[in-house]
């Protein structure tokens, strides 16, 4: 039994898994799922192939772990940025200011980790191939994001689905431009763009 304060085997295993996932996020972001190898991943982690396979039995399991870690970070980061300002779902439409805060929180979270943006961009392109192992999950995530954006914009504009599609296009476009040239302020550019797309004089349906 480890002494008080010493890491347990479970702690060590979780730390190793986190290390592997961090390196996998970086490798897949640069090389894509099909471009990276378990040998490269093991080398980056200072492990043998068997050491990686002990925690993730296959390359596809690594990808599944990466997607889960990515989703966990996104949810945690967004909640950190929006704090307790968002009401409980079903209590009524959110104000424009709160909607913009939610959107800004998403950008703030992802822009804090360039490797996450690179990974998102790479997987969105790769997973257009129906044979990609993450195809269904990425496509479902994209549909869910579109539906959530549409719901957020519903009380704020006449065509929420159109605005949601344009907002996603702006977000993805800014991500790509920022990866090419990170010298500009991603959040400032987003604020300017969303203000034009959703000006404060826009009224909801029926108003």
C-alpha atoms as a PDB file:
ATOM      1  CA  UNK A   1       0.000   0.000   0.000  1.00  0.00           C
ATOM      2  CA  UNK A   2       1.453   3.418  -0.957  1.00  0.00           C
ATOM      3  CA  UNK A   3       2.250   5.864   1.794  1.00  0.00           C
ATOM      4  CA  UNK A   4       0.008   8.870   2.305  1.00  0.00           C
ATOM      5  CA  UNK A   5       0.656  11.420  -0.425  1.00  0.00           C
ATOM      6  CA  UNK A   6       2.307   8.924  -2.757  1.00  0.00           C
ATOM      7  CA  UNK A   7       0.602   8.221  -6.105  1.00  0.00           C
ATOM      8  CA  UNK A   8      -1.280   4.950  -6.346  1.00  0.00           C
ATOM      9  CA  UNK A   9      -1.147   2.621  -9.333  1.00  0.00           C
ATOM     10  CA  UNK A  10      -4.466   4.059 -10.434  1.00  0.00           C
ATOM     11  CA  UNK A  11      -3.057   7.595 -10.233  1.00  0.00           C
ATOM     12  CA  UNK A  12      -0.017   6.560 -12.251  1.00  0.00           C
ATOM     13  CA  UNK A  13      -2.180   4.844 -14.872  1.00  0.00           C
ATOM     14  CA  UNK A  14      -4.412   7.915 -15.214  1.00  0.00           C
ATOM     15  CA  UNK A  15      -1.360  10.164 -15.521  1.00  0.00           C
ATOM     16  CA  UNK A  16       0.058   7.932 -18.239  1.00  0.00           C
ATOM     17  CA  UNK A  17      -3.253   7.898 -20.119  1.00  0.00           C
ATOM     18  CA  UNK A  18      -3.385  11.695 -19.940  1.00  0.00           C
ATOM     19  CA  UNK A  19       0.158  11.915 -21.287  1.00  0.00           C
ATOM     20  CA  UNK A  20      -0.698   9.606 -24.177  1.00  0.00           C
ATOM     21  CA  UNK A  21      -3.844  11.568 -25.014  1.00  0.00           C
ATOM     22  CA  UNK A  22      -2.008  14.903 -24.894  1.00  0.00           C
ATOM     23  CA  UNK A  23       0.591  13.633 -27.347  1.00  0.00           C
ATOM     24  CA  UNK A  24      -2.090  12.015 -29.524  1.00  0.00           C
ATOM     25  CA  UNK A  25      -3.967  15.327 -29.729  1.00  0.00           C
ATOM     26  CA  UNK A  26      -0.797  16.990 -30.997  1.00  0.00           C
ATOM     27  CA  UNK A  27       0.121  14.212 -33.439  1.00  0.00           C
ATOM     28  CA  UNK A  28      -3.353  13.782 -34.930  1.00  0.00           C
ATOM     29  CA  UNK A  29      -3.707  17.553 -35.205  1.00  0.00           C
ATOM     30  CA  UNK A  30      -0.602  17.721 -37.388  1.00  0.00           C
ATOM     31  CA  UNK A  31      -0.729  14.393 -39.227  1.00  0.00           C
ATOM     32  CA  UNK A  32      -4.364  13.360 -39.117  1.00  0.00           C
ATOM     33  CA  UNK A  33      -5.683  10.048 -37.823  1.00  0.00           C
ATOM     34  CA  UNK A  34      -4.449   8.167 -40.864  1.00  0.00           C
ATOM     35  CA  UNK A  35      -1.103   9.931 -40.879  1.00  0.00           C
ATOM     36  CA  UNK A  36       0.083   9.138 -37.374  1.00  0.00           C
ATOM     37  CA  UNK A  37       1.352   5.787 -36.113  1.00  0.00           C
ATOM     38  CA  UNK A  38       1.340   4.125 -32.732  1.00  0.00           C
ATOM     39  CA  UNK A  39       5.119   3.943 -32.981  1.00  0.00           C
ATOM     40  CA  UNK A  40       5.315   7.739 -33.327  1.00  0.00           C
ATOM     41  CA  UNK A  41       2.961   8.151 -30.392  1.00  0.00           C
ATOM     42  CA  UNK A  42       4.950   5.747 -28.247  1.00  0.00           C
ATOM     43  CA  UNK A  43       8.180   7.559 -29.101  1.00  0.00           C
ATOM     44  CA  UNK A  44       6.705  10.928 -28.116  1.00  0.00           C
ATOM     45  CA  UNK A  45       5.628   9.458 -24.781  1.00  0.00           C
ATOM     46  CA  UNK A  46       8.909   7.665 -24.095  1.00  0.00           C
ATOM     47  CA  UNK A  47       7.130   4.304 -24.261  1.00  0.00           C
ATOM     48  CA  UNK A  48       7.233   1.141 -26.312  1.00  0.00           C
ATOM     49  CA  UNK A  49       4.335   0.265 -28.611  1.00  0.00           C
ATOM     50  CA  UNK A  50       3.263  -2.225 -25.970  1.00  0.00           C
ATOM     51  CA  UNK A  51       3.226   0.537 -23.377  1.00  0.00           C
ATOM     52  CA  UNK A  52       0.711   2.502 -25.436  1.00  0.00           C
ATOM     53  CA  UNK A  53      -1.331  -0.592 -26.266  1.00  0.00           C
ATOM     54  CA  UNK A  54      -1.580  -1.429 -22.572  1.00  0.00           C
ATOM     55  CA  UNK A  55      -3.693   1.699 -22.089  1.00  0.00           C
ATOM     56  CA  UNK A  56      -5.280   1.851 -25.564  1.00  0.00           C
ATOM     57  CA  UNK A  57      -5.575  -1.572 -27.224  1.00  0.00           C
ATOM     58  CA  UNK A  58      -5.727  -0.166 -30.778  1.00  0.00           C
ATOM     59  CA  UNK A  59      -5.153   2.961 -32.828  1.00  0.00           C
ATOM     60  CA  UNK A  60      -8.912   3.433 -33.032  1.00  0.00           C
ATOM     61  CA  UNK A  61      -9.121   3.276 -29.238  1.00  0.00           C
ATOM     62  CA  UNK A  62      -6.603   6.132 -29.119  1.00  0.00           C
ATOM     63  CA  UNK A  63      -8.880   8.160 -31.395  1.00  0.00           C
ATOM     64  CA  UNK A  64     -11.901   7.372 -29.230  1.00  0.00           C
ATOM     65  CA  UNK A  65      -9.982   8.513 -26.165  1.00  0.00           C
ATOM     66  CA  UNK A  66      -8.899  11.710 -27.913  1.00  0.00           C
ATOM     67  CA  UNK A  67     -12.474  12.546 -28.903  1.00  0.00           C
ATOM     68  CA  UNK A  68     -13.693  11.953 -25.356  1.00  0.00           C
ATOM     69  CA  UNK A  69     -10.919  14.137 -23.932  1.00  0.00           C
ATOM     70  CA  UNK A  70     -11.666  16.848 -26.464  1.00  0.00           C
ATOM     71  CA  UNK A  71     -15.355  16.897 -25.555  1.00  0.00           C
ATOM     72  CA  UNK A  72     -14.523  16.946 -21.841  1.00  0.00           C
ATOM     73  CA  UNK A  73     -12.211  19.925 -22.240  1.00  0.00           C
ATOM     74  CA  UNK A  74     -14.732  21.818 -24.338  1.00  0.00           C
ATOM     75  CA  UNK A  75     -17.554  21.382 -21.834  1.00  0.00           C
ATOM     76  CA  UNK A  76     -15.338  22.244 -18.872  1.00  0.00           C
ATOM     77  CA  UNK A  77     -13.902  25.287 -20.602  1.00  0.00           C
ATOM     78  CA  UNK A  78     -17.237  26.670 -21.723  1.00  0.00           C
ATOM     79  CA  UNK A  79     -18.713  26.312 -18.248  1.00  0.00           C
ATOM     80  CA  UNK A  80     -15.658  28.094 -16.828  1.00  0.00           C
ATOM     81  CA  UNK A  81     -16.096  31.009 -19.204  1.00  0.00           C
ATOM     82  CA  UNK A  82     -19.862  31.431 -18.868  1.00  0.00           C
ATOM     83  CA  UNK A  83     -19.935  30.763 -15.118  1.00  0.00           C
ATOM     84  CA  UNK A  84     -23.405  30.739 -13.608  1.00  0.00           C
ATOM     85  CA  UNK A  85     -24.941  33.248 -15.981  1.00  0.00           C
ATOM     86  CA  UNK A  86     -26.904  30.728 -18.009  1.00  0.00           C
ATOM     87  CA  UNK A  87     -30.277  29.709 -16.726  1.00  0.00           C
ATOM     88  CA  UNK A  88     -31.669  26.212 -16.504  1.00  0.00           C
ATOM     89  CA  UNK A  89     -32.903  24.879 -19.871  1.00  0.00           C
ATOM     90  CA  UNK A  90     -36.656  25.287 -20.200  1.00  0.00           C
ATOM     91  CA  UNK A  91     -36.880  28.402 -18.039  1.00  0.00           C
ATOM     92  CA  UNK A  92     -37.240  30.637 -21.072  1.00  0.00           C
ATOM     93  CA  UNK A  93     -35.145  32.098 -23.895  1.00  0.00           C
ATOM     94  CA  UNK A  94     -31.707  33.453 -23.111  1.00  0.00           C
ATOM     95  CA  UNK A  95     -30.911  37.098 -23.678  1.00  0.00           C
ATOM     96  CA  UNK A  96     -28.713  38.241 -26.543  1.00  0.00           C
ATOM     97  CA  UNK A  97     -25.932  39.140 -24.106  1.00  0.00           C
ATOM     98  CA  UNK A  98     -25.931  35.661 -22.580  1.00  0.00           C
ATOM     99  CA  UNK A  99     -25.990  33.989 -26.001  1.00  0.00           C
ATOM    100  CA  UNK A 100     -23.011  36.067 -27.093  1.00  0.00           C
ATOM    101  CA  UNK A 101     -21.245  35.191 -23.855  1.00  0.00           C
ATOM    102  CA  UNK A 102     -21.762  31.485 -24.508  1.00  0.00           C
ATOM    103  CA  UNK A 103     -20.399  31.822 -28.034  1.00  0.00           C
ATOM    104  CA  UNK A 104     -17.442  33.868 -26.839  1.00  0.00           C
ATOM    105  CA  UNK A 105     -16.748  31.258 -24.173  1.00  0.00           C
ATOM    106  CA  UNK A 106     -16.450  28.579 -26.838  1.00  0.00           C
ATOM    107  CA  UNK A 107     -13.924  30.668 -28.761  1.00  0.00           C
ATOM    108  CA  UNK A 108     -12.021  31.595 -25.612  1.00  0.00           C
ATOM    109  CA  UNK A 109     -11.696  27.960 -24.606  1.00  0.00           C
ATOM    110  CA  UNK A 110     -10.474  26.678 -27.939  1.00  0.00           C
ATOM    111  CA  UNK A 111      -8.177  29.632 -28.651  1.00  0.00           C
ATOM    112  CA  UNK A 112      -6.369  28.904 -25.385  1.00  0.00           C
ATOM    113  CA  UNK A 113      -5.160  25.640 -26.927  1.00  0.00           C
ATOM    114  CA  UNK A 114      -4.002  25.931 -30.526  1.00  0.00           C
ATOM    115  CA  UNK A 115      -3.506  22.163 -30.659  1.00  0.00           C
ATOM    116  CA  UNK A 116      -7.202  21.640 -29.955  1.00  0.00           C
ATOM    117  CA  UNK A 117      -8.203  23.946 -32.816  1.00  0.00           C
ATOM    118  CA  UNK A 118      -5.768  22.165 -35.122  1.00  0.00           C
ATOM    119  CA  UNK A 119      -7.195  18.792 -34.088  1.00  0.00           C
ATOM    120  CA  UNK A 120     -10.793  19.936 -34.574  1.00  0.00           C
ATOM    121  CA  UNK A 121     -10.009  21.306 -38.021  1.00  0.00           C
ATOM    122  CA  UNK A 122      -8.111  18.197 -39.090  1.00  0.00           C
ATOM    123  CA  UNK A 123     -10.787  15.765 -37.909  1.00  0.00           C
ATOM    124  CA  UNK A 124     -13.640  17.753 -39.454  1.00  0.00           C
ATOM    125  CA  UNK A 125     -11.929  17.451 -42.827  1.00  0.00           C
ATOM    126  CA  UNK A 126     -10.803  13.826 -42.454  1.00  0.00           C
ATOM    127  CA  UNK A 127     -14.132  12.617 -41.119  1.00  0.00           C
ATOM    128  CA  UNK A 128     -15.964  13.737 -44.256  1.00  0.00           C
ATOM    129  CA  UNK A 129     -14.876  10.333 -45.549  1.00  0.00           C
ATOM    130  CA  UNK A 130     -17.629   7.862 -44.591  1.00  0.00           C
ATOM    131  CA  UNK A 131     -14.965   5.200 -43.981  1.00  0.00           C
ATOM    132  CA  UNK A 132     -13.199   7.269 -41.325  1.00  0.00           C
ATOM    133  CA  UNK A 133     -13.645   5.633 -37.882  1.00  0.00           C
ATOM    134  CA  UNK A 134     -14.839   8.925 -36.384  1.00  0.00           C
ATOM    135  CA  UNK A 135     -17.186   9.788 -39.265  1.00  0.00           C
ATOM    136  CA  UNK A 136     -20.472   9.152 -37.482  1.00  0.00           C
ATOM    137  CA  UNK A 137     -19.358  10.743 -34.213  1.00  0.00           C
ATOM    138  CA  UNK A 138     -17.969  13.880 -35.869  1.00  0.00           C
ATOM    139  CA  UNK A 139     -21.000  14.265 -38.121  1.00  0.00           C
ATOM    140  CA  UNK A 140     -23.346  13.800 -35.160  1.00  0.00           C
ATOM    141  CA  UNK A 141     -21.384  16.354 -33.146  1.00  0.00           C
ATOM    142  CA  UNK A 142     -21.640  18.794 -36.052  1.00  0.00           C
ATOM    143  CA  UNK A 143     -25.391  18.275 -36.310  1.00  0.00           C
ATOM    144  CA  UNK A 144     -25.802  18.660 -32.557  1.00  0.00           C
ATOM    145  CA  UNK A 145     -23.754  21.862 -32.554  1.00  0.00           C
ATOM    146  CA  UNK A 146     -25.843  23.256 -35.395  1.00  0.00           C
ATOM    147  CA  UNK A 147     -29.059  22.388 -33.550  1.00  0.00           C
ATOM    148  CA  UNK A 148     -27.778  24.001 -30.338  1.00  0.00           C
ATOM    149  CA  UNK A 149     -26.780  27.161 -32.172  1.00  0.00           C
ATOM    150  CA  UNK A 150     -30.178  27.278 -33.878  1.00  0.00           C
ATOM    151  CA  UNK A 151     -31.918  26.950 -30.504  1.00  0.00           C
ATOM    152  CA  UNK A 152     -29.788  29.733 -29.011  1.00  0.00           C
ATOM    153  CA  UNK A 153     -30.604  32.066 -31.897  1.00  0.00           C
ATOM    154  CA  UNK A 154     -34.302  31.116 -32.068  1.00  0.00           C
ATOM    155  CA  UNK A 155     -35.609  34.043 -29.952  1.00  0.00           C
ATOM    156  CA  UNK A 156     -33.133  36.543 -31.368  1.00  0.00           C
ATOM    157  CA  UNK A 157     -33.667  36.499 -35.126  1.00  0.00           C
ATOM    158  CA  UNK A 158     -36.122  35.608 -37.870  1.00  0.00           C
ATOM    159  CA  UNK A 159     -34.056  32.813 -39.432  1.00  0.00           C
ATOM    160  CA  UNK A 160     -32.180  31.041 -36.622  1.00  0.00           C
ATOM    161  CA  UNK A 161     -31.013  28.136 -38.791  1.00  0.00           C
ATOM    162  CA  UNK A 162     -29.550  30.502 -41.369  1.00  0.00           C
ATOM    163  CA  UNK A 163     -27.814  32.531 -38.660  1.00  0.00           C
ATOM    164  CA  UNK A 164     -26.544  29.342 -36.992  1.00  0.00           C
ATOM    165  CA  UNK A 165     -25.053  28.124 -40.269  1.00  0.00           C
ATOM    166  CA  UNK A 166     -23.380  31.484 -40.872  1.00  0.00           C
ATOM    167  CA  UNK A 167     -22.048  31.620 -37.300  1.00  0.00           C
ATOM    168  CA  UNK A 168     -20.515  28.156 -37.652  1.00  0.00           C
ATOM    169  CA  UNK A 169     -18.994  29.123 -40.998  1.00  0.00           C
ATOM    170  CA  UNK A 170     -17.455  32.225 -39.421  1.00  0.00           C
ATOM    171  CA  UNK A 171     -16.153  30.256 -36.463  1.00  0.00           C
ATOM    172  CA  UNK A 172     -14.573  27.514 -38.566  1.00  0.00           C
ATOM    173  CA  UNK A 173     -13.168  30.050 -41.019  1.00  0.00           C
ATOM    174  CA  UNK A 174     -11.573  32.102 -38.256  1.00  0.00           C
ATOM    175  CA  UNK A 175     -10.096  28.940 -36.743  1.00  0.00           C
ATOM    176  CA  UNK A 176      -8.424  28.084 -40.051  1.00  0.00           C
ATOM    177  CA  UNK A 177      -7.108  31.617 -40.628  1.00  0.00           C
ATOM    178  CA  UNK A 178      -5.802  31.735 -37.060  1.00  0.00           C
ATOM    179  CA  UNK A 179      -3.930  28.464 -37.538  1.00  0.00           C
ATOM    180  CA  UNK A 180      -2.312  29.959 -40.638  1.00  0.00           C
ATOM    181  CA  UNK A 181      -1.495  33.250 -38.891  1.00  0.00           C
ATOM    182  CA  UNK A 182      -1.941  33.325 -35.083  1.00  0.00           C
ATOM    183  CA  UNK A 183      -0.760  36.944 -34.912  1.00  0.00           C
ATOM    184  CA  UNK A 184      -4.306  38.344 -34.959  1.00  0.00           C
ATOM    185  CA  UNK A 185      -6.650  38.264 -31.966  1.00  0.00           C
ATOM    186  CA  UNK A 186      -9.179  35.511 -32.646  1.00  0.00           C
ATOM    187  CA  UNK A 187     -11.623  36.721 -29.989  1.00  0.00           C
ATOM    188  CA  UNK A 188     -11.585  40.339 -31.184  1.00  0.00           C
ATOM    189  CA  UNK A 189     -12.266  39.252 -34.768  1.00  0.00           C
ATOM    190  CA  UNK A 190     -15.071  36.968 -33.600  1.00  0.00           C
ATOM    191  CA  UNK A 191     -16.684  39.777 -31.598  1.00  0.00           C
ATOM    192  CA  UNK A 192     -16.657  42.019 -34.666  1.00  0.00           C
ATOM    193  CA  UNK A 193     -18.112  39.325 -36.897  1.00  0.00           C
ATOM    194  CA  UNK A 194     -20.913  38.192 -34.575  1.00  0.00           C
ATOM    195  CA  UNK A 195     -21.966  41.800 -33.932  1.00  0.00           C
ATOM    196  CA  UNK A 196     -22.627  42.161 -37.656  1.00  0.00           C
ATOM    197  CA  UNK A 197     -24.395  38.825 -37.881  1.00  0.00           C
ATOM    198  CA  UNK A 198     -26.501  39.384 -34.768  1.00  0.00           C
ATOM    199  CA  UNK A 199     -26.830  43.152 -34.214  1.00  0.00           C
ATOM    200  CA  UNK A 200     -28.623  44.258 -31.069  1.00  0.00           C
ATOM    201  CA  UNK A 201     -31.465  45.797 -33.066  1.00  0.00           C
ATOM    202  CA  UNK A 202     -32.510  42.429 -34.506  1.00  0.00           C
ATOM    203  CA  UNK A 203     -35.855  41.201 -33.224  1.00  0.00           C
ATOM    204  CA  UNK A 204     -37.135  37.691 -32.809  1.00  0.00           C
ATOM    205  CA  UNK A 205     -39.925  36.121 -34.795  1.00  0.00           C
ATOM    206  CA  UNK A 206     -43.270  37.718 -34.314  1.00  0.00           C
ATOM    207  CA  UNK A 207     -41.903  41.035 -33.007  1.00  0.00           C
END
